[in-house]
Amino acid sequence: MSIAKQLIIIGAATPTIIRVIDDINQSGQEEFQIVGVLDNLYKQIGNNFFGLPVLGGFETILNYDKSDVVLINTIAGSSRSRQETTEFFHKLNYKFTNIVHPSVNLRRVIIGVGNLIYENATVHPFVNIGNHNLISSNSGIAHETELSDYVFIGPGSYICGKCKIENGVYIGVGAKILPRLTVGAYAVVGAGAIVTKNVPDFERHLGMPARKS
């Protein structure tokens, strides 16, 4: 039997992560023991997050040896916040792990580190996933698409084949990206939008078809 990895969750954002960890442990593929949650709003949250101990703010990580724990960042409100938070821990040389629900098939997929993939996400072969992306439940990424880093893909959204999704892109719930398109760095695609043209860096596109907002 493998030794359980000691996991610290960054962000008291969603209880879904708890069930994902439960499902991973029950699958027997890997085993995680949740140490607790770090969040800078710990004074408002209190000392309990759906049964998990809230350990304190981000600086509390210094109480834990780098070789003893791995981290996962659940912050999803904005890609920039996710990136800034992750970089705080990287500078302290703490290590991140991938958390992937057992329902997700990643055969013939290239994947980096620090990615969080929720249940029933569909990832086609020859997709390239970078680092610290959050891929929500029931979303889809078609063949030969490239995700850079710190990308958020909302529930029920779909990225068609051969797309390129640059750093920090935020794709809202139920959005669709048509084939062979590029969504530029830190762009936002609104909930339910259908993207039919390339989206430039930093722009916000809404609607069907999606247009700059």
N, C-alpha and C. Protein backbone atom coordinates (compact mmCIF):
# COMPACT_ATOMS: atom_id res chain seq x y z
N MET A 1 0.85 -1.21 0.00
CA MET A 1 0.00 0.00 0.00
C MET A 1 0.88 1.25 0.00
N SER A 2 0.55 2.22 -0.85
CA SER A 2 1.36 3.43 -0.95
C SER A 2 1.17 4.31 0.29
N ILE A 3 2.19 5.11 0.56
CA ILE A 3 2.13 6.05 1.67
C ILE A 3 1.33 7.27 1.24
N ALA A 4 0.37 7.68 2.08
CA ALA A 4 -0.49 8.82 1.73
C ALA A 4 0.34 10.10 1.69
N LYS A 5 0.08 10.91 0.67
CA LYS A 5 0.70 12.23 0.59
C LYS A 5 -0.05 13.19 1.51
N GLN A 6 0.69 13.98 2.24
CA GLN A 6 0.11 14.98 3.13
C GLN A 6 -0.23 16.22 2.30
N LEU A 7 -1.51 16.54 2.19
CA LEU A 7 -1.99 17.58 1.27
C LEU A 7 -2.51 18.77 2.04
N ILE A 8 -2.06 19.96 1.65
CA ILE A 8 -2.62 21.21 2.17
C ILE A 8 -3.35 21.91 1.02
N ILE A 9 -4.59 22.29 1.28
CA ILE A 9 -5.43 22.94 0.28
C ILE A 9 -5.31 24.45 0.44
N ILE A 10 -5.04 25.14 -0.67
CA ILE A 10 -4.96 26.59 -0.67
C ILE A 10 -6.31 27.16 -1.08
N GLY A 11 -6.94 27.91 -0.17
CA GLY A 11 -8.22 28.53 -0.47
C GLY A 11 -9.40 27.75 0.05
N ALA A 12 -10.16 28.37 0.95
CA ALA A 12 -11.41 27.78 1.43
C ALA A 12 -12.50 28.22 0.46
N ALA A 13 -12.46 27.64 -0.74
CA ALA A 13 -13.30 28.11 -1.83
C ALA A 13 -14.48 27.20 -2.12
N THR A 14 -14.25 25.90 -2.15
CA THR A 14 -15.32 24.99 -2.53
C THR A 14 -15.16 23.65 -1.82
N PRO A 15 -16.26 23.11 -1.28
CA PRO A 15 -16.17 21.79 -0.65
C PRO A 15 -16.01 20.66 -1.65
N THR A 16 -16.17 20.95 -2.95
CA THR A 16 -16.05 19.91 -3.96
C THR A 16 -14.70 19.22 -3.92
N ILE A 17 -13.66 19.96 -3.58
CA ILE A 17 -12.32 19.38 -3.52
C ILE A 17 -12.27 18.23 -2.53
N ILE A 18 -13.07 18.30 -1.46
CA ILE A 18 -13.06 17.24 -0.45
C ILE A 18 -13.57 15.94 -1.05
N ARG A 19 -14.64 16.04 -1.83
CA ARG A 19 -15.19 14.83 -2.46
C ARG A 19 -14.24 14.28 -3.51
N VAL A 20 -13.57 15.16 -4.24
CA VAL A 20 -12.59 14.70 -5.23
C VAL A 20 -11.49 13.88 -4.55
N ILE A 21 -10.98 14.40 -3.43
CA ILE A 21 -9.95 13.66 -2.70
C ILE A 21 -10.49 12.33 -2.20
N ASP A 22 -11.72 12.33 -1.67
CA ASP A 22 -12.34 11.08 -1.23
C ASP A 22 -12.39 10.07 -2.37
N ASP A 23 -12.80 10.53 -3.56
CA ASP A 23 -12.93 9.63 -4.71
C ASP A 23 -11.57 9.10 -5.16
N ILE A 24 -10.55 9.95 -5.13
CA ILE A 24 -9.19 9.51 -5.48
C ILE A 24 -8.74 8.43 -4.50
N ASN A 25 -8.93 8.67 -3.22
CA ASN A 25 -8.49 7.70 -2.22
C ASN A 25 -9.23 6.36 -2.37
N GLN A 26 -10.52 6.44 -2.66
CA GLN A 26 -11.31 5.21 -2.80
C GLN A 26 -10.95 4.44 -4.07
N SER A 27 -10.45 5.15 -5.08
CA SER A 27 -10.10 4.50 -6.34
C SER A 27 -8.85 3.63 -6.20
N GLY A 28 -8.02 3.94 -5.22
CA GLY A 28 -6.79 3.20 -5.02
C GLY A 28 -5.64 3.62 -5.93
N GLN A 29 -5.88 4.61 -6.81
CA GLN A 29 -4.83 5.07 -7.71
C GLN A 29 -3.74 5.83 -6.96
N GLU A 30 -4.15 6.56 -5.95
CA GLU A 30 -3.23 7.38 -5.18
C GLU A 30 -3.92 7.64 -3.84
N GLU A 31 -3.16 8.13 -2.86
CA GLU A 31 -3.78 8.39 -1.57
C GLU A 31 -3.29 9.72 -1.02
N PHE A 32 -4.24 10.54 -0.61
CA PHE A 32 -3.93 11.84 0.00
C PHE A 32 -4.57 11.91 1.38
N GLN A 33 -3.84 12.48 2.31
CA GLN A 33 -4.39 12.81 3.61
C GLN A 33 -4.40 14.33 3.73
N ILE A 34 -5.59 14.89 3.89
CA ILE A 34 -5.71 16.35 3.94
C ILE A 34 -5.29 16.84 5.33
N VAL A 35 -4.26 17.67 5.34
CA VAL A 35 -3.77 18.26 6.59
C VAL A 35 -4.71 19.38 7.03
N GLY A 36 -5.15 20.20 6.07
CA GLY A 36 -6.03 21.31 6.36
C GLY A 36 -6.02 22.32 5.23
N VAL A 37 -6.59 23.48 5.52
CA VAL A 37 -6.81 24.53 4.52
C VAL A 37 -6.10 25.81 4.97
N LEU A 38 -5.49 26.50 4.01
CA LEU A 38 -4.92 27.82 4.27
C LEU A 38 -5.73 28.88 3.52
N ASP A 39 -6.08 29.96 4.20
CA ASP A 39 -6.81 31.05 3.56
C ASP A 39 -6.56 32.32 4.35
N ASN A 40 -6.23 33.40 3.65
CA ASN A 40 -5.95 34.66 4.34
C ASN A 40 -7.18 35.27 5.00
N LEU A 41 -8.36 34.74 4.69
CA LEU A 41 -9.59 35.19 5.35
C LEU A 41 -9.96 34.28 6.52
N TYR A 42 -8.96 33.61 7.07
CA TYR A 42 -9.23 32.61 8.11
C TYR A 42 -9.94 33.20 9.33
N LYS A 43 -9.73 34.48 9.63
CA LYS A 43 -10.39 35.07 10.79
C LYS A 43 -11.89 35.18 10.58
N GLN A 44 -12.32 35.33 9.32
CA GLN A 44 -13.75 35.37 9.01
C GLN A 44 -14.32 33.96 8.85
N ILE A 45 -13.51 33.07 8.33
CA ILE A 45 -13.98 31.71 8.06
C ILE A 45 -14.14 30.92 9.35
N GLY A 46 -13.25 31.16 10.30
CA GLY A 46 -13.23 30.36 11.52
C GLY A 46 -12.25 29.21 11.39
N ASN A 47 -12.34 28.25 12.29
CA ASN A 47 -11.33 27.19 12.31
C ASN A 47 -11.81 25.89 11.68
N ASN A 48 -12.96 25.95 10.96
CA ASN A 48 -13.50 24.74 10.37
C ASN A 48 -14.08 25.04 8.99
N PHE A 49 -13.67 24.25 7.99
CA PHE A 49 -14.19 24.39 6.64
C PHE A 49 -14.72 23.02 6.20
N PHE A 50 -16.03 22.83 6.35
CA PHE A 50 -16.68 21.57 5.99
C PHE A 50 -15.95 20.38 6.60
N GLY A 51 -15.59 20.53 7.86
CA GLY A 51 -14.94 19.44 8.59
C GLY A 51 -13.43 19.43 8.51
N LEU A 52 -12.85 20.31 7.68
CA LEU A 52 -11.40 20.40 7.59
C LEU A 52 -10.90 21.54 8.48
N PRO A 53 -9.76 21.36 9.13
CA PRO A 53 -9.21 22.45 9.94
C PRO A 53 -8.68 23.58 9.07
N VAL A 54 -9.04 24.81 9.40
CA VAL A 54 -8.45 25.99 8.76
C VAL A 54 -7.20 26.32 9.57
N LEU A 55 -6.05 26.16 8.93
CA LEU A 55 -4.76 26.23 9.63
C LEU A 55 -4.32 27.66 9.89
N GLY A 56 -4.83 28.60 9.08
CA GLY A 56 -4.45 30.00 9.20
C GLY A 56 -4.25 30.61 7.84
N GLY A 57 -3.58 31.77 7.79
CA GLY A 57 -3.29 32.43 6.53
C GLY A 57 -2.17 31.74 5.78
N PHE A 58 -1.85 32.29 4.62
CA PHE A 58 -0.87 31.65 3.75
C PHE A 58 0.49 31.50 4.41
N GLU A 59 0.86 32.47 5.25
CA GLU A 59 2.18 32.41 5.90
C GLU A 59 2.29 31.22 6.86
N THR A 60 1.16 30.65 7.23
CA THR A 60 1.16 29.49 8.13
C THR A 60 1.89 28.30 7.51
N ILE A 61 2.06 28.31 6.19
CA ILE A 61 2.77 27.22 5.51
C ILE A 61 4.17 27.04 6.07
N LEU A 62 4.74 28.10 6.63
CA LEU A 62 6.10 28.02 7.16
C LEU A 62 6.20 27.08 8.35
N ASN A 63 5.06 26.71 8.92
CA ASN A 63 5.06 25.74 10.02
C ASN A 63 5.24 24.30 9.54
N TYR A 64 5.24 24.10 8.21
CA TYR A 64 5.29 22.76 7.64
C TYR A 64 6.54 22.59 6.79
N ASP A 65 7.22 21.48 6.99
CA ASP A 65 8.44 21.20 6.25
C ASP A 65 8.13 20.98 4.77
N LYS A 66 8.96 21.55 3.90
CA LYS A 66 8.74 21.46 2.45
C LYS A 66 8.71 20.03 1.95
N SER A 67 9.44 19.16 2.61
CA SER A 67 9.52 17.78 2.15
C SER A 67 8.37 16.92 2.66
N ASP A 68 7.55 17.47 3.55
CA ASP A 68 6.48 16.68 4.18
C ASP A 68 5.11 16.87 3.55
N VAL A 69 4.91 17.98 2.81
CA VAL A 69 3.57 18.29 2.31
C VAL A 69 3.61 18.64 0.83
N VAL A 70 2.46 18.45 0.17
CA VAL A 70 2.24 18.96 -1.18
C VAL A 70 1.01 19.86 -1.14
N LEU A 71 0.89 20.74 -2.13
CA LEU A 71 -0.16 21.75 -2.13
C LEU A 71 -1.04 21.63 -3.39
N ILE A 72 -2.28 22.08 -3.26
CA ILE A 72 -3.15 22.30 -4.42
C ILE A 72 -3.90 23.60 -4.19
N ASN A 73 -3.99 24.42 -5.23
CA ASN A 73 -4.64 25.72 -5.15
C ASN A 73 -6.04 25.63 -5.75
N THR A 74 -7.06 25.88 -4.92
CA THR A 74 -8.45 25.79 -5.38
C THR A 74 -9.05 27.16 -5.73
N ILE A 75 -8.29 28.23 -5.59
CA ILE A 75 -8.83 29.58 -5.83
C ILE A 75 -9.25 29.71 -7.29
N ALA A 76 -10.50 30.12 -7.49
CA ALA A 76 -11.06 30.14 -8.84
C ALA A 76 -11.71 31.46 -9.22
N GLY A 77 -11.72 32.43 -8.31
CA GLY A 77 -12.41 33.69 -8.59
C GLY A 77 -11.81 34.49 -9.72
N SER A 78 -10.48 34.45 -9.84
CA SER A 78 -9.80 35.10 -10.95
C SER A 78 -8.48 34.40 -11.19
N SER A 79 -8.08 34.35 -12.45
CA SER A 79 -6.83 33.69 -12.80
C SER A 79 -5.63 34.42 -12.21
N ARG A 80 -5.73 35.75 -12.12
CA ARG A 80 -4.61 36.51 -11.55
C ARG A 80 -4.43 36.20 -10.07
N SER A 81 -5.53 36.13 -9.33
CA SER A 81 -5.44 35.78 -7.92
C SER A 81 -4.85 34.38 -7.74
N ARG A 82 -5.28 33.47 -8.60
CA ARG A 82 -4.75 32.11 -8.55
C ARG A 82 -3.25 32.11 -8.80
N GLN A 83 -2.82 32.88 -9.79
CA GLN A 83 -1.40 32.93 -10.12
C GLN A 83 -0.59 33.58 -9.00
N GLU A 84 -1.04 34.71 -8.50
CA GLU A 84 -0.31 35.42 -7.44
C GLU A 84 -0.18 34.56 -6.19
N THR A 85 -1.26 33.86 -5.85
CA THR A 85 -1.23 32.99 -4.68
C THR A 85 -0.24 31.85 -4.88
N THR A 86 -0.30 31.23 -6.04
CA THR A 86 0.60 30.11 -6.32
C THR A 86 2.05 30.56 -6.28
N GLU A 87 2.34 31.72 -6.85
CA GLU A 87 3.71 32.21 -6.88
C GLU A 87 4.24 32.49 -5.47
N PHE A 88 3.36 32.89 -4.56
CA PHE A 88 3.77 33.11 -3.17
C PHE A 88 4.38 31.83 -2.60
N PHE A 89 3.74 30.69 -2.84
CA PHE A 89 4.22 29.42 -2.30
C PHE A 89 5.42 28.90 -3.08
N HIS A 90 5.45 29.16 -4.40
CA HIS A 90 6.60 28.76 -5.20
C HIS A 90 7.88 29.45 -4.71
N LYS A 91 7.77 30.72 -4.37
CA LYS A 91 8.95 31.46 -3.90
C LYS A 91 9.50 30.88 -2.60
N LEU A 92 8.63 30.22 -1.84
CA LEU A 92 9.06 29.57 -0.60
C LEU A 92 9.49 28.12 -0.85
N ASN A 93 9.49 27.72 -2.13
CA ASN A 93 9.97 26.40 -2.56
C ASN A 93 9.09 25.23 -2.08
N TYR A 94 7.78 25.48 -1.91
CA TYR A 94 6.86 24.39 -1.63
C TYR A 94 6.39 23.77 -2.94
N LYS A 95 6.07 22.49 -2.89
CA LYS A 95 5.74 21.74 -4.09
C LYS A 95 4.22 21.57 -4.23
N PHE A 96 3.77 21.64 -5.48
CA PHE A 96 2.37 21.41 -5.81
C PHE A 96 2.20 20.04 -6.44
N THR A 97 0.99 19.53 -6.37
CA THR A 97 0.66 18.25 -6.97
C THR A 97 -0.54 18.41 -7.89
N ASN A 98 -0.74 17.48 -8.80
CA ASN A 98 -1.97 17.42 -9.58
C ASN A 98 -3.05 16.70 -8.78
N ILE A 99 -4.26 17.23 -8.83
CA ILE A 99 -5.43 16.55 -8.27
C ILE A 99 -6.39 16.32 -9.43
N VAL A 100 -6.56 15.06 -9.80
CA VAL A 100 -7.37 14.71 -10.97
C VAL A 100 -8.41 13.67 -10.55
N HIS A 101 -9.66 13.98 -10.75
CA HIS A 101 -10.73 13.04 -10.38
C HIS A 101 -10.56 11.74 -11.17
N PRO A 102 -10.82 10.59 -10.54
CA PRO A 102 -10.62 9.30 -11.23
C PRO A 102 -11.48 9.11 -12.48
N SER A 103 -12.54 9.87 -12.64
CA SER A 103 -13.39 9.75 -13.82
C SER A 103 -12.73 10.34 -15.07
N VAL A 104 -11.62 11.05 -14.90
CA VAL A 104 -10.98 11.77 -16.02
C VAL A 104 -9.90 10.90 -16.65
N ASN A 105 -9.99 10.72 -17.96
CA ASN A 105 -9.03 9.91 -18.72
C ASN A 105 -7.94 10.83 -19.28
N LEU A 106 -6.71 10.64 -18.82
CA LEU A 106 -5.59 11.47 -19.28
C LEU A 106 -4.57 10.67 -20.11
N ARG A 107 -5.00 9.52 -20.63
CA ARG A 107 -4.07 8.79 -21.50
C ARG A 107 -3.78 9.59 -22.76
N ARG A 108 -2.50 9.62 -23.12
CA ARG A 108 -2.01 10.36 -24.28
C ARG A 108 -2.24 11.87 -24.14
N VAL A 109 -2.20 12.34 -22.92
CA VAL A 109 -2.29 13.77 -22.60
C VAL A 109 -1.01 14.17 -21.88
N ILE A 110 -0.45 15.31 -22.24
CA ILE A 110 0.72 15.85 -21.53
C ILE A 110 0.20 16.82 -20.48
N ILE A 111 0.69 16.67 -19.25
CA ILE A 111 0.19 17.51 -18.16
C ILE A 111 1.34 17.94 -17.26
N GLY A 112 1.29 19.19 -16.83
CA GLY A 112 2.31 19.75 -15.95
C GLY A 112 2.02 19.45 -14.49
N VAL A 113 2.19 20.46 -13.63
CA VAL A 113 1.99 20.27 -12.19
C VAL A 113 0.98 21.30 -11.66
N GLY A 114 0.39 20.97 -10.52
CA GLY A 114 -0.50 21.91 -9.85
C GLY A 114 -1.87 22.05 -10.48
N ASN A 115 -2.22 21.12 -11.36
CA ASN A 115 -3.52 21.19 -12.03
C ASN A 115 -4.61 20.53 -11.19
N LEU A 116 -5.79 21.11 -11.25
CA LEU A 116 -6.95 20.60 -10.53
C LEU A 116 -8.05 20.31 -11.56
N ILE A 117 -8.42 19.03 -11.70
CA ILE A 117 -9.41 18.64 -12.70
C ILE A 117 -10.55 17.92 -12.00
N TYR A 118 -11.73 18.51 -12.08
CA TYR A 118 -12.90 17.98 -11.39
C TYR A 118 -13.57 16.86 -12.19
N GLU A 119 -14.57 16.24 -11.56
CA GLU A 119 -15.18 15.03 -12.10
C GLU A 119 -15.87 15.26 -13.44
N ASN A 120 -15.78 14.22 -14.27
CA ASN A 120 -16.46 14.15 -15.57
C ASN A 120 -15.97 15.19 -16.57
N ALA A 121 -14.81 15.75 -16.35
CA ALA A 121 -14.18 16.56 -17.41
C ALA A 121 -13.68 15.60 -18.49
N THR A 122 -13.81 16.03 -19.75
CA THR A 122 -13.35 15.21 -20.88
C THR A 122 -12.13 15.87 -21.50
N VAL A 123 -11.04 15.13 -21.53
CA VAL A 123 -9.80 15.64 -22.12
C VAL A 123 -9.38 14.67 -23.21
N HIS A 124 -9.41 15.12 -24.45
CA HIS A 124 -9.13 14.25 -25.59
C HIS A 124 -7.63 13.99 -25.73
N PRO A 125 -7.25 12.97 -26.51
CA PRO A 125 -5.83 12.68 -26.72
C PRO A 125 -5.07 13.84 -27.36
N PHE A 126 -3.80 13.91 -27.01
CA PHE A 126 -2.86 14.89 -27.56
C PHE A 126 -3.20 16.33 -27.18
N VAL A 127 -3.89 16.47 -26.07
CA VAL A 127 -4.04 17.77 -25.43
C VAL A 127 -2.80 18.01 -24.58
N ASN A 128 -2.34 19.24 -24.55
CA ASN A 128 -1.17 19.63 -23.74
C ASN A 128 -1.64 20.61 -22.67
N ILE A 129 -1.57 20.18 -21.42
CA ILE A 129 -2.01 20.99 -20.28
C ILE A 129 -0.78 21.47 -19.53
N GLY A 130 -0.68 22.77 -19.33
CA GLY A 130 0.48 23.35 -18.63
C GLY A 130 0.38 23.16 -17.13
N ASN A 131 0.63 24.24 -16.39
CA ASN A 131 0.70 24.17 -14.93
C ASN A 131 -0.38 25.03 -14.27
N HIS A 132 -0.91 24.52 -13.16
CA HIS A 132 -1.79 25.29 -12.28
C HIS A 132 -3.08 25.72 -12.95
N ASN A 133 -3.60 24.86 -13.81
CA ASN A 133 -4.89 25.13 -14.43
C ASN A 133 -6.01 24.50 -13.60
N LEU A 134 -7.20 25.09 -13.69
CA LEU A 134 -8.36 24.54 -13.02
C LEU A 134 -9.41 24.22 -14.08
N ILE A 135 -9.72 22.93 -14.22
CA ILE A 135 -10.65 22.45 -15.23
C ILE A 135 -11.88 21.91 -14.50
N SER A 136 -12.99 22.58 -14.69
CA SER A 136 -14.20 22.28 -13.90
C SER A 136 -14.94 21.05 -14.40
N SER A 137 -15.90 20.61 -13.62
CA SER A 137 -16.68 19.41 -13.94
C SER A 137 -17.49 19.59 -15.22
N ASN A 138 -17.62 18.49 -15.95
CA ASN A 138 -18.44 18.43 -17.17
C ASN A 138 -17.97 19.38 -18.26
N SER A 139 -16.72 19.79 -18.21
CA SER A 139 -16.15 20.60 -19.29
C SER A 139 -15.41 19.68 -20.25
N GLY A 140 -15.06 20.21 -21.42
CA GLY A 140 -14.38 19.39 -22.42
C GLY A 140 -13.26 20.15 -23.11
N ILE A 141 -12.19 19.42 -23.41
CA ILE A 141 -11.06 19.98 -24.15
C ILE A 141 -10.75 18.99 -25.27
N ALA A 142 -10.91 19.43 -26.50
CA ALA A 142 -10.76 18.53 -27.64
C ALA A 142 -9.30 18.39 -28.07
N HIS A 143 -9.06 17.43 -28.94
CA HIS A 143 -7.73 16.99 -29.36
C HIS A 143 -6.82 18.13 -29.82
N GLU A 144 -5.56 18.02 -29.46
CA GLU A 144 -4.48 18.90 -29.92
C GLU A 144 -4.61 20.35 -29.45
N THR A 145 -5.43 20.56 -28.46
CA THR A 145 -5.52 21.89 -27.85
C THR A 145 -4.40 22.07 -26.85
N GLU A 146 -3.90 23.29 -26.73
CA GLU A 146 -2.84 23.62 -25.78
C GLU A 146 -3.36 24.61 -24.74
N LEU A 147 -3.24 24.21 -23.48
CA LEU A 147 -3.52 25.10 -22.36
C LEU A 147 -2.19 25.55 -21.77
N SER A 148 -2.02 26.84 -21.60
CA SER A 148 -0.80 27.33 -20.98
C SER A 148 -0.92 27.17 -19.46
N ASP A 149 -0.65 28.20 -18.68
CA ASP A 149 -0.69 28.11 -17.22
C ASP A 149 -1.78 29.01 -16.64
N TYR A 150 -2.29 28.65 -15.48
CA TYR A 150 -3.25 29.46 -14.71
C TYR A 150 -4.54 29.72 -15.48
N VAL A 151 -4.96 28.77 -16.26
CA VAL A 151 -6.21 28.87 -17.01
C VAL A 151 -7.35 28.33 -16.14
N PHE A 152 -8.49 29.02 -16.18
CA PHE A 152 -9.70 28.53 -15.53
C PHE A 152 -10.71 28.18 -16.61
N ILE A 153 -11.24 26.95 -16.55
CA ILE A 153 -12.27 26.51 -17.49
C ILE A 153 -13.51 26.18 -16.68
N GLY A 154 -14.58 26.93 -16.90
CA GLY A 154 -15.79 26.80 -16.10
C GLY A 154 -16.58 25.54 -16.39
N PRO A 155 -17.49 25.18 -15.49
CA PRO A 155 -18.31 23.98 -15.66
C PRO A 155 -19.11 24.01 -16.97
N GLY A 156 -19.15 22.87 -17.64
CA GLY A 156 -19.96 22.74 -18.84
C GLY A 156 -19.46 23.48 -20.05
N SER A 157 -18.25 24.02 -19.99
CA SER A 157 -17.71 24.72 -21.16
C SER A 157 -16.97 23.73 -22.06
N TYR A 158 -16.71 24.16 -23.31
CA TYR A 158 -16.06 23.24 -24.26
C TYR A 158 -15.10 24.00 -25.15
N ILE A 159 -13.90 23.45 -25.27
CA ILE A 159 -12.87 24.00 -26.16
C ILE A 159 -12.65 23.01 -27.28
N CYS A 160 -12.92 23.43 -28.49
CA CYS A 160 -12.79 22.53 -29.64
C CYS A 160 -11.33 22.28 -29.98
N GLY A 161 -11.11 21.42 -30.98
CA GLY A 161 -9.77 20.94 -31.30
C GLY A 161 -8.83 22.01 -31.84
N LYS A 162 -7.54 21.81 -31.54
CA LYS A 162 -6.43 22.61 -32.07
C LYS A 162 -6.51 24.07 -31.66
N CYS A 163 -7.10 24.34 -30.50
CA CYS A 163 -7.11 25.71 -29.97
C CYS A 163 -5.87 25.95 -29.12
N LYS A 164 -5.57 27.22 -28.91
CA LYS A 164 -4.47 27.61 -28.04
C LYS A 164 -5.03 28.58 -27.00
N ILE A 165 -4.92 28.19 -25.74
CA ILE A 165 -5.43 28.99 -24.64
C ILE A 165 -4.24 29.49 -23.84
N GLU A 166 -4.00 30.78 -23.89
CA GLU A 166 -2.78 31.36 -23.32
C GLU A 166 -2.90 31.52 -21.80
N ASN A 167 -1.81 31.98 -21.19
CA ASN A 167 -1.73 32.13 -19.73
C ASN A 167 -2.89 32.95 -19.16
N GLY A 168 -3.44 32.45 -18.06
CA GLY A 168 -4.37 33.24 -17.27
C GLY A 168 -5.74 33.46 -17.86
N VAL A 169 -6.09 32.73 -18.89
CA VAL A 169 -7.41 32.88 -19.51
C VAL A 169 -8.49 32.40 -18.53
N TYR A 170 -9.62 33.10 -18.51
CA TYR A 170 -10.76 32.72 -17.68
C TYR A 170 -11.94 32.46 -18.61
N ILE A 171 -12.41 31.20 -18.63
CA ILE A 171 -13.52 30.80 -19.49
C ILE A 171 -14.73 30.49 -18.62
N GLY A 172 -15.80 31.24 -18.79
CA GLY A 172 -16.97 31.13 -17.92
C GLY A 172 -17.81 29.89 -18.18
N VAL A 173 -18.80 29.71 -17.33
CA VAL A 173 -19.67 28.53 -17.36
C VAL A 173 -20.36 28.40 -18.73
N GLY A 174 -20.25 27.22 -19.31
CA GLY A 174 -21.00 26.92 -20.53
C GLY A 174 -20.51 27.61 -21.79
N ALA A 175 -19.33 28.21 -21.75
CA ALA A 175 -18.80 28.87 -22.95
C ALA A 175 -18.29 27.84 -23.94
N LYS A 176 -18.22 28.24 -25.22
CA LYS A 176 -17.73 27.36 -26.28
C LYS A 176 -16.66 28.11 -27.08
N ILE A 177 -15.55 27.42 -27.34
CA ILE A 177 -14.48 27.98 -28.18
C ILE A 177 -14.41 27.12 -29.43
N LEU A 178 -14.65 27.70 -30.61
CA LEU A 178 -14.66 26.93 -31.84
C LEU A 178 -13.24 26.55 -32.27
N PRO A 179 -13.11 25.59 -33.21
CA PRO A 179 -11.79 25.01 -33.51
C PRO A 179 -10.77 26.01 -34.01
N ARG A 180 -9.50 25.70 -33.70
CA ARG A 180 -8.31 26.37 -34.24
C ARG A 180 -8.22 27.84 -33.86
N LEU A 181 -8.80 28.21 -32.74
CA LEU A 181 -8.77 29.60 -32.30
C LEU A 181 -7.75 29.77 -31.17
N THR A 182 -7.31 31.02 -31.01
CA THR A 182 -6.42 31.39 -29.90
C THR A 182 -7.14 32.36 -28.98
N VAL A 183 -7.10 32.07 -27.70
CA VAL A 183 -7.60 33.00 -26.69
C VAL A 183 -6.38 33.55 -25.97
N GLY A 184 -6.17 34.87 -26.09
CA GLY A 184 -4.95 35.50 -25.63
C GLY A 184 -4.83 35.59 -24.12
N ALA A 185 -3.64 35.90 -23.67
CA ALA A 185 -3.29 35.90 -22.25
C ALA A 185 -4.23 36.79 -21.43
N TYR A 186 -4.73 36.26 -20.34
CA TYR A 186 -5.57 36.95 -19.35
C TYR A 186 -6.86 37.49 -19.95
N ALA A 187 -7.26 36.94 -21.08
CA ALA A 187 -8.57 37.28 -21.64
C ALA A 187 -9.66 36.59 -20.82
N VAL A 188 -10.88 37.14 -20.92
CA VAL A 188 -12.04 36.57 -20.23
C VAL A 188 -13.10 36.25 -21.27
N VAL A 189 -13.58 35.02 -21.24
CA VAL A 189 -14.70 34.61 -22.09
C VAL A 189 -15.90 34.41 -21.17
N GLY A 190 -16.95 35.19 -21.38
CA GLY A 190 -18.08 35.19 -20.47
C GLY A 190 -18.90 33.91 -20.50
N ALA A 191 -19.68 33.71 -19.47
CA ALA A 191 -20.54 32.53 -19.36
C ALA A 191 -21.46 32.44 -20.57
N GLY A 192 -21.54 31.26 -21.18
CA GLY A 192 -22.43 31.02 -22.30
C GLY A 192 -21.97 31.58 -23.62
N ALA A 193 -20.84 32.23 -23.67
CA ALA A 193 -20.36 32.84 -24.92
C ALA A 193 -19.95 31.76 -25.92
N ILE A 194 -20.08 32.10 -27.20
CA ILE A 194 -19.58 31.23 -28.27
C ILE A 194 -18.52 32.02 -29.04
N VAL A 195 -17.27 31.57 -28.91
CA VAL A 195 -16.15 32.29 -29.51
C VAL A 195 -15.92 31.77 -30.91
N THR A 196 -16.02 32.66 -31.90
CA THR A 196 -15.86 32.28 -33.31
C THR A 196 -14.63 32.91 -33.95
N LYS A 197 -13.96 33.82 -33.21
CA LYS A 197 -12.75 34.47 -33.71
C LYS A 197 -11.71 34.51 -32.59
N ASN A 198 -10.45 34.71 -32.95
CA ASN A 198 -9.40 34.83 -31.95
C ASN A 198 -9.72 35.95 -30.97
N VAL A 199 -9.37 35.73 -29.72
CA VAL A 199 -9.58 36.74 -28.68
C VAL A 199 -8.22 37.32 -28.29
N PRO A 200 -8.00 38.61 -28.46
CA PRO A 200 -6.71 39.21 -28.11
C PRO A 200 -6.43 39.17 -26.61
N ASP A 201 -5.17 39.35 -26.26
CA ASP A 201 -4.76 39.41 -24.86
C ASP A 201 -5.59 40.43 -24.09
N PHE A 202 -5.97 40.10 -22.87
CA PHE A 202 -6.58 40.99 -21.88
C PHE A 202 -8.00 41.44 -22.23
N GLU A 203 -8.55 41.01 -23.36
CA GLU A 203 -9.90 41.44 -23.71
C GLU A 203 -10.95 40.55 -23.06
N ARG A 204 -12.16 41.12 -22.92
CA ARG A 204 -13.31 40.40 -22.37
C ARG A 204 -14.33 40.25 -23.49
N HIS A 205 -14.71 39.01 -23.78
CA HIS A 205 -15.64 38.75 -24.88
C HIS A 205 -16.88 38.04 -24.34
N LEU A 206 -18.05 38.57 -24.72
CA LEU A 206 -19.33 38.05 -24.26
C LEU A 206 -20.27 37.82 -25.43
N GLY A 207 -21.26 36.93 -25.24
CA GLY A 207 -22.34 36.83 -26.20
C GLY A 207 -22.20 35.69 -27.20
N MET A 208 -23.22 35.62 -28.11
CA MET A 208 -23.28 34.58 -29.15
C MET A 208 -23.58 35.25 -30.49
N PRO A 209 -22.60 35.42 -31.36
CA PRO A 209 -21.19 35.10 -31.18
C PRO A 209 -20.53 36.09 -30.22
N ALA A 210 -19.42 35.68 -29.63
CA ALA A 210 -18.75 36.52 -28.64
C ALA A 210 -18.13 37.75 -29.29
N ARG A 211 -18.33 38.87 -28.60
CA ARG A 211 -17.74 40.14 -29.06
C ARG A 211 -17.10 40.85 -27.88
N LYS A 212 -16.15 41.73 -28.20
CA LYS A 212 -15.47 42.48 -27.13
C LYS A 212 -16.48 43.29 -26.34
N SER A 213 -16.33 43.23 -25.03
CA SER A 213 -17.25 43.95 -24.15
C SER A 213 -16.51 45.08 -23.43
